Each structure stands twice: as C-alpha cells, then as structure tokens.
C-alpha cells in the first residue's frame, strides 16, 4: 500500500514533514525581506525591491500554511493527559496562523504603493490601512493569539510526554526572534527548527500504530495471549 493511500502513514508523514519544513521556509522568507535585512529607516525599501518582497511574502505565507498540518498532528497526539487544554490551545493556534498568513498580502501592497507614489506617502497609506480596527482586531491580534496557542499546545504535548519540555519555548523564541536580522535570524531560526523539528522527527519515527494510538492496546492483547491459561490455543506449527 502506498503512503498516499494509507491514511495513518500519510497523515503522520505530512504532519511531521510540515513541522520540519515550516521553520526552514520561515527563515528563508525573513532573509529575503529587504526591509528586515536593512533595518533602521525602511521607508521606500519595499518600493525599490518589489521582486524581493514578492519572494519574501510568498515564503512567509507558506511558512504559516505549513504549520497547519503540523498543528493538527500535534493535537492528534494529545490523547490521555490535557486533552481539553490541548484542543483549546490547538484551535487557538490554527485560527492564529491563518491570520498571519493573510497578513503577508500587505507586503505586496506596500511594495506597489511605495513604487507608484512618493515612498513616504505610500508607506503612510499602508500604515493607515493596517491601523484600521478591522485589520488590527480581525488579523493582527488573532495572529499573536495564535502564537500563544501554539506555545500552549507545545506545553500540552510536553505534559503528555510527547515532546521535550524545551520545545515549545524554542519554537516561540525562534518565531519572535528570527526577524531581528542577522543575529536573531540565525539564533531564532535554529531555535525554531530545533523546537518544531524535534516534534516533527518524533512523528516521522513513530510507527503507524503508535500514531493511531493502537500500540498500547495491541501490546496488552499480545501480553494476555502469551499468559498461561489465558484461554488461547497454542499456535500450530
């Protein structure tokens, strides 16, 4: 049976690979952003480098999209301890990252506004658009709430002994620190990759029974079958 037609193997592999890939794509998007690389007064930078902005915004968009299957996989692993907490945190994380993904469209508008208008005027119009209450409370606040949800979901995984305790701290510190170019990008990128990667690799190394939660039950059945007087007949030779 191929991985694509095996529900357990496909979902486990997709979630694990996405958690490994998301930090790499995120750091690539940060490095491609001309404003983050320059620092200081960035007015007009997007207008001068629209091609770089296009690459950066697209990569950052996909870095958030790739987190979605990973978050679903993280929620799936919380079964016996902190299930309700994990579901609430996971839902908050999912709602948040999709908002961050949508915010990446703003970079395209900044680039065009700063290119066709005087840079200061174009940047001011973009800032005014993002200062709109709908943009603030409909996208930006939920986005940062999603980061909190991702952190709490990681804590729930650590509580259920599915990941090291430091993984959620590394993920959050990496995401927030990577835009500080260049030291934060290097250190933050490594932290994000370490935190998300250790969870993703554990998923990839699981058996399908472990992923589905069938391994303990199967082990118990096999143990009962091996006990003398269990009512099982000896296997034929």
C-alpha atoms as a PDB file:
ATOM      1  CA  UNK A   1       0.000   0.000   0.000  1.00  0.00           C
ATOM      2  CA  UNK A   2       1.394   3.427  -0.960  1.00  0.00           C
ATOM      3  CA  UNK A   3       1.764   6.227   1.575  1.00  0.00           C
ATOM      4  CA  UNK A   4      -0.852   8.295  -0.258  1.00  0.00           C
ATOM      5  CA  UNK A   5      -3.495   5.592   0.149  1.00  0.00           C
ATOM      6  CA  UNK A   6      -2.531   4.721   3.746  1.00  0.00           C
ATOM      7  CA  UNK A   7      -4.414   7.199   5.942  1.00  0.00           C
ATOM      8  CA  UNK A   8      -2.270   6.749   9.042  1.00  0.00           C
ATOM      9  CA  UNK A   9       1.088   6.849   7.268  1.00  0.00           C
ATOM     10  CA  UNK A  10       0.136   9.815   5.080  1.00  0.00           C
ATOM     11  CA  UNK A  11      -1.191  11.976   7.920  1.00  0.00           C
ATOM     12  CA  UNK A  12       1.730  11.166  10.208  1.00  0.00           C
ATOM     13  CA  UNK A  13       4.287  11.834   7.473  1.00  0.00           C
ATOM     14  CA  UNK A  14       2.615  15.038   6.305  1.00  0.00           C
ATOM     15  CA  UNK A  15       2.402  16.462   9.815  1.00  0.00           C
ATOM     16  CA  UNK A  16       5.992  15.562  10.624  1.00  0.00           C
ATOM     17  CA  UNK A  17       7.455  16.897   7.391  1.00  0.00           C
ATOM     18  CA  UNK A  18       5.498  20.147   7.662  1.00  0.00           C
ATOM     19  CA  UNK A  19       6.840  20.785  11.169  1.00  0.00           C
ATOM     20  CA  UNK A  20      10.381  20.335   9.867  1.00  0.00           C
ATOM     21  CA  UNK A  21       9.818  22.413   6.722  1.00  0.00           C
ATOM     22  CA  UNK A  22       7.942  25.355   8.292  1.00  0.00           C
ATOM     23  CA  UNK A  23      10.960  26.818  10.166  1.00  0.00           C
ATOM     24  CA  UNK A  24      13.198  26.492   7.104  1.00  0.00           C
ATOM     25  CA  UNK A  25      10.705  28.315   4.877  1.00  0.00           C
ATOM     26  CA  UNK A  26      10.134  30.944   7.592  1.00  0.00           C
ATOM     27  CA  UNK A  27      13.827  31.767   7.892  1.00  0.00           C
ATOM     28  CA  UNK A  28      14.174  31.880   4.102  1.00  0.00           C
ATOM     29  CA  UNK A  29      11.303  34.387   3.985  1.00  0.00           C
ATOM     30  CA  UNK A  30      12.917  36.535   6.670  1.00  0.00           C
ATOM     31  CA  UNK A  31      16.270  36.542   4.862  1.00  0.00           C
ATOM     32  CA  UNK A  32      14.581  37.518   1.583  1.00  0.00           C
ATOM     33  CA  UNK A  33      12.836  40.521   3.165  1.00  0.00           C
ATOM     34  CA  UNK A  34      14.835  43.633   2.120  1.00  0.00           C
ATOM     35  CA  UNK A  35      13.478  45.778   4.961  1.00  0.00           C
ATOM     36  CA  UNK A  36      14.461  43.296   7.660  1.00  0.00           C
ATOM     37  CA  UNK A  37      17.946  42.982   6.172  1.00  0.00           C
ATOM     38  CA  UNK A  38      18.436  46.735   6.039  1.00  0.00           C
ATOM     39  CA  UNK A  39      16.982  47.683   9.419  1.00  0.00           C
ATOM     40  CA  UNK A  40      16.700  51.302  10.567  1.00  0.00           C
ATOM     41  CA  UNK A  41      14.579  53.586   8.376  1.00  0.00           C
ATOM     42  CA  UNK A  42      12.897  51.228   5.916  1.00  0.00           C
ATOM     43  CA  UNK A  43      10.556  53.693   4.198  1.00  0.00           C
ATOM     44  CA  UNK A  44      10.786  53.123   0.455  1.00  0.00           C
ATOM     45  CA  UNK A  45      12.739  49.858   0.679  1.00  0.00           C
ATOM     46  CA  UNK A  46       9.784  47.744  -0.458  1.00  0.00           C
ATOM     47  CA  UNK A  47       9.192  50.070  -3.386  1.00  0.00           C
ATOM     48  CA  UNK A  48      12.799  49.729  -4.520  1.00  0.00           C
ATOM     49  CA  UNK A  49      12.854  45.930  -4.265  1.00  0.00           C
ATOM     50  CA  UNK A  50       9.380  44.600  -5.196  1.00  0.00           C
ATOM     51  CA  UNK A  51      10.775  41.325  -6.539  1.00  0.00           C
ATOM     52  CA  UNK A  52      12.452  40.523  -3.229  1.00  0.00           C
ATOM     53  CA  UNK A  53       9.276  41.483  -1.397  1.00  0.00           C
ATOM     54  CA  UNK A  54       7.282  39.122  -3.598  1.00  0.00           C
ATOM     55  CA  UNK A  55       9.595  36.215  -2.784  1.00  0.00           C
ATOM     56  CA  UNK A  56       9.723  37.052   0.916  1.00  0.00           C
ATOM     57  CA  UNK A  57       5.963  37.475   1.363  1.00  0.00           C
ATOM     58  CA  UNK A  58       5.243  34.242  -0.517  1.00  0.00           C
ATOM     59  CA  UNK A  59       7.738  32.266   1.565  1.00  0.00           C
ATOM     60  CA  UNK A  60       6.425  33.704   4.828  1.00  0.00           C
ATOM     61  CA  UNK A  61       2.864  32.935   3.743  1.00  0.00           C
ATOM     62  CA  UNK A  62       3.762  29.311   3.103  1.00  0.00           C
ATOM     63  CA  UNK A  63       5.686  29.039   6.351  1.00  0.00           C
ATOM     64  CA  UNK A  64       2.413  29.709   8.206  1.00  0.00           C
ATOM     65  CA  UNK A  65       0.412  27.449   5.904  1.00  0.00           C
ATOM     66  CA  UNK A  66       2.826  24.568   6.526  1.00  0.00           C
ATOM     67  CA  UNK A  67       2.219  24.889  10.248  1.00  0.00           C
ATOM     68  CA  UNK A  68      -1.444  23.950   9.833  1.00  0.00           C
ATOM     69  CA  UNK A  69      -0.906  20.196   9.174  1.00  0.00           C
ATOM     70  CA  UNK A  70       1.778  20.199  11.875  1.00  0.00           C
ATOM     71  CA  UNK A  71      -0.576  21.723  14.436  1.00  0.00           C
ATOM     72  CA  UNK A  72      -3.291  19.217  13.540  1.00  0.00           C
ATOM     73  CA  UNK A  73      -0.740  16.436  14.055  1.00  0.00           C
ATOM     74  CA  UNK A  74       0.248  17.886  17.438  1.00  0.00           C
ATOM     75  CA  UNK A  75      -3.392  17.964  18.515  1.00  0.00           C
ATOM     76  CA  UNK A  76      -3.780  14.360  17.375  1.00  0.00           C
ATOM     77  CA  UNK A  77      -1.022  13.180  19.728  1.00  0.00           C
ATOM     78  CA  UNK A  78      -2.726  14.546  22.860  1.00  0.00           C
ATOM     79  CA  UNK A  79      -4.946  11.688  23.973  1.00  0.00           C
ATOM     80  CA  UNK A  80      -4.828  10.912  27.681  1.00  0.00           C
ATOM     81  CA  UNK A  81      -3.444  13.961  29.507  1.00  0.00           C
ATOM     82  CA  UNK A  82      -4.620  17.533  28.993  1.00  0.00           C
ATOM     83  CA  UNK A  83      -6.947  16.678  26.121  1.00  0.00           C
ATOM     84  CA  UNK A  84      -9.348  19.592  26.658  1.00  0.00           C
ATOM     85  CA  UNK A  85      -6.468  22.017  27.169  1.00  0.00           C
ATOM     86  CA  UNK A  86      -4.770  20.705  24.034  1.00  0.00           C
ATOM     87  CA  UNK A  87      -7.919  21.083  21.951  1.00  0.00           C
ATOM     88  CA  UNK A  88      -8.458  24.680  23.057  1.00  0.00           C
ATOM     89  CA  UNK A  89      -4.790  25.602  22.540  1.00  0.00           C
ATOM     90  CA  UNK A  90      -4.692  23.844  19.180  1.00  0.00           C
ATOM     91  CA  UNK A  91      -7.824  25.603  17.963  1.00  0.00           C
ATOM     92  CA  UNK A  92      -6.361  28.952  19.013  1.00  0.00           C
ATOM     93  CA  UNK A  93      -3.118  28.124  17.207  1.00  0.00           C
ATOM     94  CA  UNK A  94      -4.897  27.171  13.984  1.00  0.00           C
ATOM     95  CA  UNK A  95      -7.016  30.318  13.949  1.00  0.00           C
ATOM     96  CA  UNK A  96      -3.938  32.413  14.603  1.00  0.00           C
ATOM     97  CA  UNK A  97      -1.563  31.122  11.955  1.00  0.00           C
ATOM     98  CA  UNK A  98      -4.103  31.512   9.165  1.00  0.00           C
ATOM     99  CA  UNK A  99      -4.406  35.189  10.123  1.00  0.00           C
ATOM    100  CA  UNK A 100      -0.646  35.660   9.946  1.00  0.00           C
ATOM    101  CA  UNK A 101      -0.716  34.030   6.536  1.00  0.00           C
ATOM    102  CA  UNK A 102      -3.305  36.544   5.328  1.00  0.00           C
ATOM    103  CA  UNK A 103      -1.277  39.468   6.653  1.00  0.00           C
ATOM    104  CA  UNK A 104       1.524  38.641   4.231  1.00  0.00           C
ATOM    105  CA  UNK A 105      -0.596  40.131   1.430  1.00  0.00           C
ATOM    106  CA  UNK A 106       0.095  43.535   2.926  1.00  0.00           C
ATOM    107  CA  UNK A 107       3.732  43.366   1.826  1.00  0.00           C
ATOM    108  CA  UNK A 108       2.661  43.283  -1.827  1.00  0.00           C
ATOM    109  CA  UNK A 109       0.562  46.421  -1.351  1.00  0.00           C
ATOM    110  CA  UNK A 110       3.352  48.254   0.465  1.00  0.00           C
ATOM    111  CA  UNK A 111       5.730  47.450  -2.393  1.00  0.00           C
ATOM    112  CA  UNK A 112       3.359  48.800  -5.057  1.00  0.00           C
ATOM    113  CA  UNK A 113       2.289  51.858  -3.057  1.00  0.00           C
ATOM    114  CA  UNK A 114       5.882  52.855  -2.384  1.00  0.00           C
ATOM    115  CA  UNK A 115       6.731  52.330  -6.049  1.00  0.00           C
ATOM    116  CA  UNK A 116       3.935  54.318  -7.725  1.00  0.00           C
ATOM    117  CA  UNK A 117       3.680  57.046  -5.061  1.00  0.00           C
ATOM    118  CA  UNK A 118       6.301  59.011  -3.173  1.00  0.00           C
ATOM    119  CA  UNK A 119       7.728  56.447  -0.720  1.00  0.00           C
ATOM    120  CA  UNK A 120       6.638  58.356   2.397  1.00  0.00           C
ATOM    121  CA  UNK A 121       3.090  58.736   1.098  1.00  0.00           C
ATOM    122  CA  UNK A 122       2.839  55.107   0.029  1.00  0.00           C
ATOM    123  CA  UNK A 123       4.158  53.870   3.382  1.00  0.00           C
ATOM    124  CA  UNK A 124       1.733  56.157   5.225  1.00  0.00           C
ATOM    125  CA  UNK A 125      -1.256  54.811   3.288  1.00  0.00           C
ATOM    126  CA  UNK A 126      -0.166  51.261   4.047  1.00  0.00           C
ATOM    127  CA  UNK A 127       0.245  52.059   7.735  1.00  0.00           C
ATOM    128  CA  UNK A 128      -3.202  53.655   7.833  1.00  0.00           C
ATOM    129  CA  UNK A 129      -4.735  50.560   6.251  1.00  0.00           C
ATOM    130  CA  UNK A 130      -3.134  48.269   8.832  1.00  0.00           C
ATOM    131  CA  UNK A 131      -4.158  50.624  11.649  1.00  0.00           C
ATOM    132  CA  UNK A 132      -7.814  50.059  10.730  1.00  0.00           C
ATOM    133  CA  UNK A 133      -9.611  48.348  13.651  1.00  0.00           C
ATOM    134  CA  UNK A 134     -10.709  45.543  11.352  1.00  0.00           C
ATOM    135  CA  UNK A 135      -7.115  44.789  10.404  1.00  0.00           C
ATOM    136  CA  UNK A 136      -5.933  45.117  13.986  1.00  0.00           C
ATOM    137  CA  UNK A 137      -8.564  43.024  15.743  1.00  0.00           C
ATOM    138  CA  UNK A 138      -9.503  40.823  12.800  1.00  0.00           C
ATOM    139  CA  UNK A 139      -5.992  39.780  11.805  1.00  0.00           C
ATOM    140  CA  UNK A 140      -3.111  41.067  13.928  1.00  0.00           C
ATOM    141  CA  UNK A 141      -4.439  40.346  17.433  1.00  0.00           C
ATOM    142  CA  UNK A 142      -5.714  36.853  16.473  1.00  0.00           C
ATOM    143  CA  UNK A 143      -2.341  36.181  14.826  1.00  0.00           C
ATOM    144  CA  UNK A 144      -0.392  36.831  18.012  1.00  0.00           C
ATOM    145  CA  UNK A 145      -3.033  34.934  20.000  1.00  0.00           C
ATOM    146  CA  UNK A 146      -2.300  32.028  17.659  1.00  0.00           C
ATOM    147  CA  UNK A 147       1.363  32.124  18.653  1.00  0.00           C
ATOM    148  CA  UNK A 148       0.241  31.861  22.274  1.00  0.00           C
ATOM    149  CA  UNK A 149      -1.948  28.918  21.288  1.00  0.00           C
ATOM    150  CA  UNK A 150       0.991  27.228  19.558  1.00  0.00           C
ATOM    151  CA  UNK A 151       3.098  27.679  22.689  1.00  0.00           C
ATOM    152  CA  UNK A 152       0.355  26.289  24.938  1.00  0.00           C
ATOM    153  CA  UNK A 153      -0.185  23.355  22.576  1.00  0.00           C
ATOM    154  CA  UNK A 154       3.524  22.583  22.829  1.00  0.00           C
ATOM    155  CA  UNK A 155       3.249  22.663  26.621  1.00  0.00           C
ATOM    156  CA  UNK A 156       0.339  20.239  26.421  1.00  0.00           C
ATOM    157  CA  UNK A 157       2.475  17.903  24.312  1.00  0.00           C
ATOM    158  CA  UNK A 158       5.310  18.174  26.821  1.00  0.00           C
ATOM    159  CA  UNK A 159       2.893  17.451  29.679  1.00  0.00           C
ATOM    160  CA  UNK A 160       1.742  14.300  27.904  1.00  0.00           C
ATOM    161  CA  UNK A 161       5.429  13.352  27.398  1.00  0.00           C
ATOM    162  CA  UNK A 162       5.201  13.597  23.630  1.00  0.00           C
ATOM    163  CA  UNK A 163       7.959  16.186  23.292  1.00  0.00           C
ATOM    164  CA  UNK A 164      10.796  17.658  25.375  1.00  0.00           C
ATOM    165  CA  UNK A 165       9.796  20.449  27.765  1.00  0.00           C
ATOM    166  CA  UNK A 166      12.011  22.963  25.962  1.00  0.00           C
ATOM    167  CA  UNK A 167      10.461  22.511  22.504  1.00  0.00           C
ATOM    168  CA  UNK A 168       7.550  24.998  22.877  1.00  0.00           C
ATOM    169  CA  UNK A 169       9.880  27.619  24.369  1.00  0.00           C
ATOM    170  CA  UNK A 170      12.307  27.191  21.483  1.00  0.00           C
ATOM    171  CA  UNK A 171       9.538  27.479  18.892  1.00  0.00           C
ATOM    172  CA  UNK A 172       8.105  30.690  20.327  1.00  0.00           C
ATOM    173  CA  UNK A 173      11.513  32.305  20.890  1.00  0.00           C
ATOM    174  CA  UNK A 174      12.581  31.350  17.380  1.00  0.00           C
ATOM    175  CA  UNK A 175       9.493  32.763  15.671  1.00  0.00           C
ATOM    176  CA  UNK A 176       9.717  36.057  17.556  1.00  0.00           C
ATOM    177  CA  UNK A 177      13.497  36.370  17.334  1.00  0.00           C
ATOM    178  CA  UNK A 178      14.128  35.448  13.699  1.00  0.00           C
ATOM    179  CA  UNK A 179      13.006  38.847  12.256  1.00  0.00           C
ATOM    180  CA  UNK A 180      15.867  40.530  14.179  1.00  0.00           C
ATOM    181  CA  UNK A 181      18.465  40.367  11.419  1.00  0.00           C
ATOM    182  CA  UNK A 182      21.136  38.960  11.395  1.00  0.00           C
ATOM    183  CA  UNK A 183      21.895  37.547  14.867  1.00  0.00           C
ATOM    184  CA  UNK A 184      18.262  36.930  15.730  1.00  0.00           C
ATOM    185  CA  UNK A 185      17.703  35.288  12.362  1.00  0.00           C
ATOM    186  CA  UNK A 186      20.483  32.778  12.947  1.00  0.00           C
ATOM    187  CA  UNK A 187      19.764  32.046  16.605  1.00  0.00           C
ATOM    188  CA  UNK A 188      15.994  32.280  16.253  1.00  0.00           C
ATOM    189  CA  UNK A 189      15.992  30.131  13.143  1.00  0.00           C
ATOM    190  CA  UNK A 190      17.964  27.419  14.907  1.00  0.00           C
ATOM    191  CA  UNK A 191      15.673  27.554  17.939  1.00  0.00           C
ATOM    192  CA  UNK A 192      12.536  27.355  15.791  1.00  0.00           C
ATOM    193  CA  UNK A 193      13.970  24.453  13.799  1.00  0.00           C
ATOM    194  CA  UNK A 194      15.028  22.644  16.964  1.00  0.00           C
ATOM    195  CA  UNK A 195      11.658  23.054  18.674  1.00  0.00           C
ATOM    196  CA  UNK A 196       9.425  22.226  15.729  1.00  0.00           C
ATOM    197  CA  UNK A 197      11.882  19.738  14.262  1.00  0.00           C
ATOM    198  CA  UNK A 198      12.105  17.562  17.367  1.00  0.00           C
ATOM    199  CA  UNK A 199       8.313  17.197  17.339  1.00  0.00           C
ATOM    200  CA  UNK A 200       8.220  16.545  13.598  1.00  0.00           C
ATOM    201  CA  UNK A 201      11.008  13.954  13.734  1.00  0.00           C
ATOM    202  CA  UNK A 202       9.259  12.108  16.545  1.00  0.00           C
ATOM    203  CA  UNK A 203       6.174  11.892  14.372  1.00  0.00           C
ATOM    204  CA  UNK A 204       8.196  10.596  11.433  1.00  0.00           C
ATOM    205  CA  UNK A 205       9.868   7.951  13.608  1.00  0.00           C
ATOM    206  CA  UNK A 206       6.600   6.672  15.074  1.00  0.00           C
ATOM    207  CA  UNK A 207       5.013   3.504  13.856  1.00  0.00           C
ATOM    208  CA  UNK A 208       1.555   3.817  12.387  1.00  0.00           C
ATOM    209  CA  UNK A 209       0.134   2.007  15.432  1.00  0.00           C
ATOM    210  CA  UNK A 210       1.789   4.482  17.784  1.00  0.00           C
ATOM    211  CA  UNK A 211       0.427   7.357  15.727  1.00  0.00           C
ATOM    212  CA  UNK A 212      -3.085   5.905  15.784  1.00  0.00           C
ATOM    213  CA  UNK A 213      -2.879   5.066  19.484  1.00  0.00           C
ATOM    214  CA  UNK A 214      -3.239   1.334  18.842  1.00  0.00           C
ATOM    215  CA  UNK A 215       0.188   0.256  20.096  1.00  0.00           C
ATOM    216  CA  UNK A 216      -0.666   0.032  23.825  1.00  0.00           C
ATOM    217  CA  UNK A 217      -3.863  -1.872  23.124  1.00  0.00           C
ATOM    218  CA  UNK A 218      -2.126  -4.333  20.813  1.00  0.00           C
ATOM    219  CA  UNK A 219       0.663  -4.849  23.342  1.00  0.00           C
ATOM    220  CA  UNK A 220      -1.895  -5.609  26.049  1.00  0.00           C
ATOM    221  CA  UNK A 221      -3.686  -8.123  23.837  1.00  0.00           C
ATOM    222  CA  UNK A 222      -0.421  -9.838  22.936  1.00  0.00           C
ATOM    223  CA  UNK A 223       0.610  -9.937  26.600  1.00  0.00           C
ATOM    224  CA  UNK A 224      -2.688 -11.563  27.583  1.00  0.00           C
ATOM    225  CA  UNK A 225      -2.336 -14.048  24.758  1.00  0.00           C
ATOM    226  CA  UNK A 226       1.101 -15.074  25.979  1.00  0.00           C
ATOM    227  CA  UNK A 227      -0.041 -15.775  29.542  1.00  0.00           C
ATOM    228  CA  UNK A 228      -0.590 -19.423  30.518  1.00  0.00           C
ATOM    229  CA  UNK A 229      -4.222 -20.352  30.933  1.00  0.00           C
ATOM    230  CA  UNK A 230      -5.409 -17.333  29.061  1.00  0.00           C
ATOM    231  CA  UNK A 231      -7.765 -19.491  27.057  1.00  0.00           C
ATOM    232  CA  UNK A 232      -5.745 -19.071  23.855  1.00  0.00           C
ATOM    233  CA  UNK A 233      -4.793 -22.144  21.943  1.00  0.00           C
ATOM    234  CA  UNK A 234      -1.188 -22.719  21.085  1.00  0.00           C
ATOM    235  CA  UNK A 235      -0.213 -21.753  17.583  1.00  0.00           C
ATOM    236  CA  UNK A 236       0.053 -24.590  15.121  1.00  0.00           C
ATOM    237  CA  UNK A 237       3.352 -25.458  13.553  1.00  0.00           C
END
